[in-house]
N, C-alpha and C. Protein backbone atom coordinates (compact mmCIF):
# COMPACT_ATOMS: atom_id res chain seq x y z
N UNK A 1 25.10 -78.55 10.83
CA UNK A 1 26.12 -79.34 11.00
C UNK A 1 26.02 -80.55 11.53
N UNK A 2 25.30 -80.44 12.39
CA UNK A 2 25.30 -81.93 13.36
C UNK A 2 24.50 -83.07 12.13
N UNK A 3 23.78 -82.42 11.43
CA UNK A 3 23.04 -83.46 10.50
C UNK A 3 24.09 -83.95 9.08
N UNK A 4 25.28 -83.26 9.00
CA UNK A 4 26.26 -83.35 8.13
C UNK A 4 27.16 -84.28 8.66
N UNK A 5 27.36 -84.38 9.94
CA UNK A 5 28.48 -85.16 10.91
C UNK A 5 27.69 -86.64 10.95
N UNK A 6 26.25 -86.50 10.96
CA UNK A 6 25.66 -87.62 11.54
C UNK A 6 25.62 -88.58 9.95
N UNK A 7 25.33 -87.78 8.96
CA UNK A 7 25.06 -88.32 7.80
C UNK A 7 26.69 -89.08 7.14
N UNK A 8 27.85 -88.34 7.49
CA UNK A 8 28.77 -88.75 7.25
C UNK A 8 29.67 -89.84 8.15
N UNK A 9 28.84 -90.10 9.37
CA UNK A 9 29.39 -91.13 10.36
C UNK A 9 30.26 -90.63 11.29
N UNK A 10 30.45 -89.27 11.49
CA UNK A 10 31.23 -88.68 12.38
C UNK A 10 30.61 -88.64 13.60
N UNK A 11 29.21 -88.60 13.97
CA UNK A 11 28.48 -88.65 15.00
C UNK A 11 27.45 -89.77 15.12
N UNK A 12 27.14 -90.26 16.03
CA UNK A 12 26.37 -91.59 16.03
C UNK A 12 24.75 -91.15 16.02
N UNK A 13 24.53 -89.81 16.72
CA UNK A 13 23.16 -89.36 16.76
C UNK A 13 23.53 -87.53 16.22
N UNK A 14 21.99 -87.11 16.26
CA UNK A 14 22.15 -85.99 15.73
C UNK A 14 21.27 -85.22 17.35
N UNK A 15 21.83 -84.44 18.07
CA UNK A 15 21.55 -84.19 19.05
C UNK A 15 20.49 -82.96 18.72
N UNK A 16 20.48 -82.45 17.54
CA UNK A 16 19.49 -81.00 17.65
C UNK A 16 18.12 -81.23 16.28
N UNK A 17 18.15 -82.51 16.38
CA UNK A 17 17.08 -82.75 15.23
C UNK A 17 15.65 -82.14 15.73
N UNK A 18 15.44 -82.19 17.25
CA UNK A 18 13.97 -82.00 17.40
C UNK A 18 14.30 -80.46 17.92
N UNK A 19 15.24 -79.65 17.59
CA UNK A 19 14.74 -77.95 18.05
C UNK A 19 14.42 -77.60 16.65
N UNK A 20 13.82 -76.36 17.14
CA UNK A 20 12.67 -75.75 16.01
C UNK A 20 14.01 -74.33 15.62
N UNK A 21 14.01 -73.95 14.43
CA UNK A 21 14.62 -73.10 13.83
C UNK A 21 14.09 -71.92 14.59
N UNK A 22 14.93 -70.94 14.83
CA UNK A 22 14.25 -69.47 15.32
C UNK A 22 13.74 -68.90 14.01
N UNK A 23 12.67 -68.15 14.33
CA UNK A 23 12.18 -67.52 13.50
C UNK A 23 12.17 -65.99 13.63
N UNK A 24 13.14 -65.29 12.80
CA UNK A 24 13.51 -63.71 12.71
C UNK A 24 13.06 -62.85 11.72
N UNK A 25 12.84 -61.84 11.91
CA UNK A 25 12.35 -61.15 10.60
C UNK A 25 13.42 -60.00 10.19
N UNK A 26 13.72 -60.34 9.06
CA UNK A 26 14.74 -59.55 8.43
C UNK A 26 14.36 -58.09 7.96
N UNK A 27 15.19 -57.24 8.39
CA UNK A 27 15.33 -55.51 7.91
C UNK A 27 16.66 -54.93 7.12
N UNK A 28 16.61 -55.21 5.96
CA UNK A 28 17.70 -55.22 5.51
C UNK A 28 17.86 -53.70 5.14
N UNK A 29 19.15 -52.83 4.85
CA UNK A 29 18.87 -51.30 4.82
C UNK A 29 18.63 -51.55 3.32
N UNK A 30 18.01 -50.17 3.32
CA UNK A 30 17.51 -49.94 1.65
C UNK A 30 18.72 -49.56 0.85
N UNK A 31 18.55 -50.12 -0.29
CA UNK A 31 19.65 -50.00 -1.51
C UNK A 31 19.31 -48.34 -2.12
N UNK A 32 20.62 -47.68 -2.03
CA UNK A 32 20.51 -46.21 -2.60
C UNK A 32 20.38 -46.34 -4.32
N UNK A 33 19.65 -45.62 -4.93
CA UNK A 33 19.31 -45.81 -6.41
C UNK A 33 20.72 -44.41 -6.68
N UNK A 34 20.75 -44.43 -7.72
CA UNK A 34 21.85 -43.17 -8.54
C UNK A 34 21.07 -42.06 -8.21
N UNK A 35 19.67 -41.89 -8.33
CA UNK A 35 19.20 -40.58 -7.80
C UNK A 35 19.41 -40.18 -6.56
N UNK A 36 19.39 -41.20 -5.60
CA UNK A 36 19.37 -40.99 -4.09
C UNK A 36 20.59 -40.46 -3.93
N UNK A 37 21.60 -40.84 -4.69
CA UNK A 37 22.93 -40.53 -4.27
C UNK A 37 23.24 -39.55 -5.10
N UNK A 38 22.58 -38.88 -5.89
CA UNK A 38 22.94 -37.60 -6.89
C UNK A 38 22.42 -36.62 -5.71
N UNK A 39 20.99 -36.78 -4.95
CA UNK A 39 20.30 -35.83 -4.38
C UNK A 39 21.15 -35.70 -2.93
N UNK A 40 22.18 -36.78 -2.56
CA UNK A 40 22.82 -36.72 -1.44
C UNK A 40 24.07 -35.72 -1.58
N UNK A 41 24.58 -36.00 -2.64
CA UNK A 41 26.06 -35.13 -3.20
C UNK A 41 25.49 -33.75 -3.29
N UNK A 42 24.34 -33.61 -3.93
CA UNK A 42 24.10 -32.13 -4.14
C UNK A 42 23.71 -30.98 -2.70
N UNK A 43 23.19 -32.10 -1.83
CA UNK A 43 22.73 -31.50 -0.33
C UNK A 43 24.04 -31.00 0.25
N UNK A 44 25.10 -32.38 0.27
CA UNK A 44 26.24 -31.71 1.10
C UNK A 44 27.76 -31.70 0.13
N UNK A 45 28.31 -30.33 0.98
CA UNK A 45 29.33 -29.63 0.18
C UNK A 45 30.67 -30.87 -0.02
N UNK A 46 31.11 -30.43 -1.24
CA UNK A 46 32.59 -31.45 -1.01
C UNK A 46 33.44 -31.36 0.00
N UNK A 47 33.78 -32.04 0.92
CA UNK A 47 34.94 -31.85 1.64
C UNK A 47 33.87 -32.16 3.01
N UNK A 48 32.98 -32.58 2.98
CA UNK A 48 32.20 -32.42 4.29
C UNK A 48 31.97 -34.16 4.77
N UNK A 49 31.71 -34.13 5.99
CA UNK A 49 31.97 -35.64 6.53
C UNK A 49 31.09 -36.35 6.00
N UNK A 50 30.13 -36.16 5.90
CA UNK A 50 28.98 -36.97 5.21
C UNK A 50 29.39 -37.18 4.01
N UNK A 51 29.91 -35.98 3.03
CA UNK A 51 30.55 -36.74 1.68
C UNK A 51 31.25 -37.38 1.56
N UNK A 52 32.24 -37.44 2.34
CA UNK A 52 33.83 -38.31 2.47
C UNK A 52 33.40 -39.82 3.01
N UNK A 53 32.18 -39.92 3.92
CA UNK A 53 32.21 -41.07 4.36
C UNK A 53 31.26 -41.82 3.21
N UNK A 54 30.42 -41.02 2.35
CA UNK A 54 29.60 -41.90 1.22
C UNK A 54 30.85 -42.32 0.37
N UNK A 55 31.85 -41.38 -0.06
CA UNK A 55 33.02 -41.88 -1.04
C UNK A 55 33.80 -42.90 -0.36
N UNK A 56 33.74 -43.00 0.88
CA UNK A 56 34.16 -44.51 1.27
C UNK A 56 33.61 -45.39 1.07
N UNK A 57 32.15 -45.29 1.03
CA UNK A 57 31.47 -46.43 0.64
C UNK A 57 31.50 -46.65 -0.87
N UNK A 58 31.00 -45.82 -1.63
CA UNK A 58 31.13 -46.11 -2.95
C UNK A 58 32.15 -46.49 -3.60
N UNK A 59 33.62 -46.02 -3.19
CA UNK A 59 34.89 -45.87 -3.87
C UNK A 59 35.76 -47.07 -3.34
N UNK A 60 35.48 -47.33 -2.08
CA UNK A 60 36.53 -48.69 -1.44
C UNK A 60 35.87 -50.34 -1.47
N UNK A 61 34.45 -49.80 -1.83
CA UNK A 61 33.75 -51.24 -1.58
C UNK A 61 33.94 -51.85 -0.26
N UNK A 62 34.36 -51.23 0.73
CA UNK A 62 34.55 -51.68 2.40
C UNK A 62 32.88 -51.76 3.00
N UNK A 63 33.14 -53.08 3.64
CA UNK A 63 31.92 -53.05 4.81
C UNK A 63 32.05 -51.84 5.73
N UNK A 64 30.60 -51.87 6.43
CA UNK A 64 30.56 -50.89 7.31
C UNK A 64 31.47 -50.81 8.09
N UNK A 65 31.60 -51.96 8.88
CA UNK A 65 32.53 -51.78 10.04
C UNK A 65 33.88 -51.44 9.67
N UNK A 66 34.06 -51.61 8.37
CA UNK A 66 35.41 -51.42 7.76
C UNK A 66 35.76 -49.87 7.50
N UNK A 67 34.62 -49.24 7.11
CA UNK A 67 34.78 -48.04 7.08
C UNK A 67 34.76 -46.89 8.12
N UNK A 68 33.99 -47.49 9.45
CA UNK A 68 33.80 -47.10 10.66
C UNK A 68 35.52 -47.19 11.25
N UNK A 69 36.27 -48.40 10.93
CA UNK A 69 37.47 -48.37 11.49
C UNK A 69 38.62 -47.42 10.82
N UNK A 70 37.85 -46.60 9.59
CA UNK A 70 39.24 -45.82 8.72
C UNK A 70 39.53 -44.79 9.59
N UNK A 71 38.68 -44.37 10.93
CA UNK A 71 38.95 -42.96 11.43
C UNK A 71 37.96 -41.93 11.07
N UNK A 72 38.14 -40.97 12.03
CA UNK A 72 37.28 -39.83 11.90
C UNK A 72 37.57 -39.14 10.29
N UNK A 73 36.50 -38.58 9.77
CA UNK A 73 36.94 -37.97 8.56
C UNK A 73 37.48 -36.84 8.76
N UNK A 74 37.99 -36.00 9.65
CA UNK A 74 38.47 -34.77 9.67
C UNK A 74 40.04 -35.27 9.19
N UNK A 75 40.67 -36.34 9.56
CA UNK A 75 41.83 -36.74 9.58
C UNK A 75 42.16 -36.82 7.85
N UNK A 76 41.43 -37.04 6.83
CA UNK A 76 41.66 -37.24 5.69
C UNK A 76 40.87 -36.78 4.99
N UNK A 77 40.40 -35.15 5.40
CA UNK A 77 39.77 -34.67 4.59
C UNK A 77 39.94 -34.22 3.14
N UNK A 78 40.99 -33.56 3.02
CA UNK A 78 41.50 -32.89 2.07
C UNK A 78 42.94 -33.34 1.56
N UNK A 79 43.19 -34.52 1.80
CA UNK A 79 44.71 -35.33 1.83
C UNK A 79 44.01 -36.14 0.49
N UNK A 80 44.71 -36.41 -0.85
CA UNK A 80 44.79 -37.17 -1.32
C UNK A 80 45.87 -38.29 -1.41
N UNK A 81 45.65 -38.82 -0.21
CA UNK A 81 46.50 -39.83 0.12
C UNK A 81 45.94 -41.11 0.22
N UNK A 82 46.53 -42.44 0.05
CA UNK A 82 45.87 -43.50 0.22
C UNK A 82 45.19 -43.87 1.47
N UNK A 83 44.22 -44.18 1.98
CA UNK A 83 43.47 -44.71 2.92
C UNK A 83 43.96 -46.13 3.39
N UNK A 84 44.67 -46.45 4.11
CA UNK A 84 45.10 -47.80 4.73
C UNK A 84 44.05 -48.15 5.72
N UNK A 85 43.59 -49.30 5.04
CA UNK A 85 43.00 -50.19 6.42
C UNK A 85 42.99 -51.71 6.52
N UNK A 86 42.72 -52.10 7.64
CA UNK A 86 42.65 -53.62 7.57
C UNK A 86 41.03 -54.17 7.56
N UNK A 87 40.99 -55.20 6.72
CA UNK A 87 39.50 -55.73 6.67
C UNK A 87 39.36 -56.34 8.09
N UNK A 88 38.28 -56.24 8.71
CA UNK A 88 37.71 -56.57 9.78
C UNK A 88 37.64 -58.24 9.73
N UNK A 89 36.97 -58.53 8.50
CA UNK A 89 36.68 -60.10 8.27
C UNK A 89 37.50 -60.71 7.86
N UNK A 90 38.48 -60.06 7.08
CA UNK A 90 39.75 -61.15 6.54
C UNK A 90 41.14 -60.70 6.95
N UNK A 91 41.09 -59.68 7.77
CA UNK A 91 42.69 -59.54 7.96
C UNK A 91 43.39 -59.03 6.94
N UNK A 92 43.10 -58.54 5.95
CA UNK A 92 44.06 -58.11 5.03
C UNK A 92 44.10 -56.79 5.21
N UNK A 93 45.27 -56.49 4.62
CA UNK A 93 45.80 -54.87 4.66
C UNK A 93 45.28 -54.44 3.42
N UNK A 94 44.72 -53.39 3.19
CA UNK A 94 44.15 -52.77 2.02
C UNK A 94 44.93 -51.27 1.86
N UNK A 95 44.95 -50.80 0.56
CA UNK A 95 45.57 -49.46 0.50
C UNK A 95 44.68 -48.74 -0.63
N UNK A 96 44.09 -47.87 -0.45
CA UNK A 96 43.08 -47.57 -1.89
C UNK A 96 43.18 -46.18 -1.60
N UNK A 97 43.14 -45.54 -2.76
CA UNK A 97 43.13 -43.68 -3.10
C UNK A 97 41.70 -43.42 -2.87
N UNK A 98 41.51 -42.55 -2.02
CA UNK A 98 39.99 -41.47 -1.87
C UNK A 98 40.28 -40.50 -2.53
N UNK A 99 39.65 -40.45 -3.51
CA UNK A 99 39.92 -38.72 -4.29
C UNK A 99 39.07 -37.86 -3.24
N UNK A 100 39.36 -36.49 -3.59
CA UNK A 100 38.86 -35.46 -2.69
C UNK A 100 37.42 -35.41 -3.27
N UNK A 101 36.51 -35.62 -2.03
CA UNK A 101 34.87 -35.62 -2.17
C UNK A 101 34.75 -34.54 -1.16
């Protein structure tokens, strides 16, 4: 960012030009295959907390932080009502129907 400001004449110098980038190791979450999802759904019964949480991730497209903010699974267990949530990143209210899972 400082380099960009320097190149565009917004700063007279780049105070961070001699600072080395931090090295860190990325450990991404593994991506589930269709087979992994099938095994999970066969293990956990419909209506369980684990199954509802999986459905929230699969069918709402929300981030992990937003799914957590939807609240405890027991509050929406067998209600085919829309789940209303507010996206943490974008501050947008979203209303999505979660089927019985």
